[in-house]
C-alpha atoms as a PDB file:
ATOM      1  CA  MET A   1      16.131 -32.036   4.422  1.00  0.00           C
ATOM      2  CA  ARG A   2      19.335 -30.449   3.173  1.00  0.00           C
ATOM      3  CA  HIS A   3      17.819 -29.891  -0.299  1.00  0.00           C
ATOM      4  CA  PHE A   4      15.084 -27.834   1.326  1.00  0.00           C
ATOM      5  CA  LEU A   5      17.235 -25.903   3.785  1.00  0.00           C
ATOM      6  CA  ILE A   6      19.846 -24.483   1.376  1.00  0.00           C
ATOM      7  CA  PRO A   7      17.336 -22.744  -0.982  1.00  0.00           C
ATOM      8  CA  LEU A   8      15.407 -21.455   2.017  1.00  0.00           C
ATOM      9  CA  LEU A   9      18.486 -19.874   3.573  1.00  0.00           C
ATOM     10  CA  THR A  10      19.503 -18.411   0.200  1.00  0.00           C
ATOM     11  CA  CYS A  11      16.087 -16.784  -0.217  1.00  0.00           C
ATOM     12  CA  LEU A  12      16.231 -15.363   3.287  1.00  0.00           C
ATOM     13  CA  ALA A  13      19.691 -13.911   2.697  1.00  0.00           C
ATOM     14  CA  LEU A  14      18.676 -12.321  -0.611  1.00  0.00           C
ATOM     15  CA  GLY A  15      15.381 -11.101   0.786  1.00  0.00           C
ATOM     16  CA  SER A  16      17.085  -9.122   3.535  1.00  0.00           C
ATOM     17  CA  ALA A  17      18.848  -6.921   0.969  1.00  0.00           C
ATOM     18  CA  HIS A  18      15.501  -5.886  -0.484  1.00  0.00           C
ATOM     19  CA  ALA A  19      13.947  -5.365   2.945  1.00  0.00           C
ATOM     20  CA  GLU A  20      15.992  -2.211   3.459  1.00  0.00           C
ATOM     21  CA  GLU A  21      13.910  -0.277   0.917  1.00  0.00           C
ATOM     22  CA  ARG A  22      11.393   1.899   2.711  1.00  0.00           C
ATOM     23  CA  PHE A  23       7.691   1.374   1.973  1.00  0.00           C
ATOM     24  CA  PRO A  24       6.139   3.271   0.307  1.00  0.00           C
ATOM     25  CA  SER A  25       8.865   4.602  -1.912  1.00  0.00           C
ATOM     26  CA  GLY A  26       6.534   6.887  -3.892  1.00  0.00           C
ATOM     27  CA  PRO A  27       3.007   8.306  -4.017  1.00  0.00           C
ATOM     28  CA  VAL A  28       0.177   5.959  -2.995  1.00  0.00           C
ATOM     29  CA  LYS A  29      -3.172   5.840  -4.758  1.00  0.00           C
ATOM     30  CA  LEU A  30      -6.211   4.994  -2.593  1.00  0.00           C
ATOM     31  CA  LEU A  31      -9.118   3.791  -4.737  1.00  0.00           C
ATOM     32  CA  VAL A  32     -12.656   4.437  -3.478  1.00  0.00           C
ATOM     33  CA  ALA A  33     -15.621   2.750  -5.165  1.00  0.00           C
ATOM     34  CA  THR A  34     -18.097   5.577  -4.492  1.00  0.00           C
ATOM     35  CA  ALA A  35     -18.811   8.976  -6.026  1.00  0.00           C
ATOM     36  CA  PRO A  36     -16.939  12.047  -4.740  1.00  0.00           C
ATOM     37  CA  GLY A  37     -18.662  13.655  -1.764  1.00  0.00           C
ATOM     38  CA  ALA A  38     -20.181  10.416  -0.446  1.00  0.00           C
ATOM     39  CA  GLY A  39     -19.622   9.210   3.106  1.00  0.00           C
ATOM     40  CA  MET A  40     -16.950   6.697   2.089  1.00  0.00           C
ATOM     41  CA  ASP A  41     -15.117   9.392   0.136  1.00  0.00           C
ATOM     42  CA  ALA A  42     -14.929  11.642   3.186  1.00  0.00           C
ATOM     43  CA  THR A  43     -13.703   8.756   5.330  1.00  0.00           C
ATOM     44  CA  ALA A  44     -11.100   7.788   2.730  1.00  0.00           C
ATOM     45  CA  ARG A  45      -9.777  11.352   2.635  1.00  0.00           C
ATOM     46  CA  LEU A  46      -9.397  11.404   6.436  1.00  0.00           C
ATOM     47  CA  VAL A  47      -7.541   8.082   6.316  1.00  0.00           C
ATOM     48  CA  ALA A  48      -5.385   9.337   3.424  1.00  0.00           C
ATOM     49  CA  ASP A  49      -4.304  12.373   5.463  1.00  0.00           C
ATOM     50  CA  LYS A  50      -3.285  10.160   8.404  1.00  0.00           C
ATOM     51  CA  LEU A  51      -1.426   7.710   6.147  1.00  0.00           C
ATOM     52  CA  ALA A  52       0.406  10.532   4.365  1.00  0.00           C
ATOM     53  CA  ALA A  53       1.581  11.936   7.700  1.00  0.00           C
ATOM     54  CA  MET A  54       2.624   8.495   8.950  1.00  0.00           C
ATOM     55  CA  TRP A  55       4.403   7.359   5.760  1.00  0.00           C
ATOM     56  CA  GLY A  56       5.855  10.699   4.684  1.00  0.00           C
ATOM     57  CA  GLN A  57       4.531  10.149   1.147  1.00  0.00           C
ATOM     58  CA  PRO A  58       1.525  11.685  -0.629  1.00  0.00           C
ATOM     59  CA  VAL A  59      -1.652   9.596  -0.610  1.00  0.00           C
ATOM     60  CA  VAL A  60      -4.086  10.437  -3.424  1.00  0.00           C
ATOM     61  CA  VAL A  61      -7.772   9.468  -3.179  1.00  0.00           C
ATOM     62  CA  GLU A  62      -9.188   8.393  -6.530  1.00  0.00           C
ATOM     63  CA  ASN A  63     -12.926   7.773  -6.937  1.00  0.00           C
ATOM     64  CA  LYS A  64     -13.933   4.964  -9.314  1.00  0.00           C
ATOM     65  CA  PRO A  65     -17.710   4.496  -9.009  1.00  0.00           C
ATOM     66  CA  GLY A  66     -19.412   2.005 -11.266  1.00  0.00           C
ATOM     67  CA  GLY A  67     -20.265  -1.614 -11.696  1.00  0.00           C
ATOM     68  CA  GLY A  68     -22.172  -2.868  -8.667  1.00  0.00           C
ATOM     69  CA  GLY A  69     -21.145   0.153  -6.596  1.00  0.00           C
END
C-alpha cells in the first residue's frame, strides 16, 4: 500500500502547481464540420461569443467541411 500511496501523493503535490495556470491561456479555435453560413455555423458563432465573454480569450470559429460532412 505504501508503494502506491507515495507516488500518488507526489503527483498530487506536483499537479497543484500546474493547476494555478488559467484555462484557456490563449486563443481558442472552435472547429465546425459544416460550410460557412449553415445552421451549425451560426450556432457555433453564438456559442463562441458566449465562451469568449466567459473566458476572456478570443474564440475563433473555423469551418472544415468535407469527408462525410
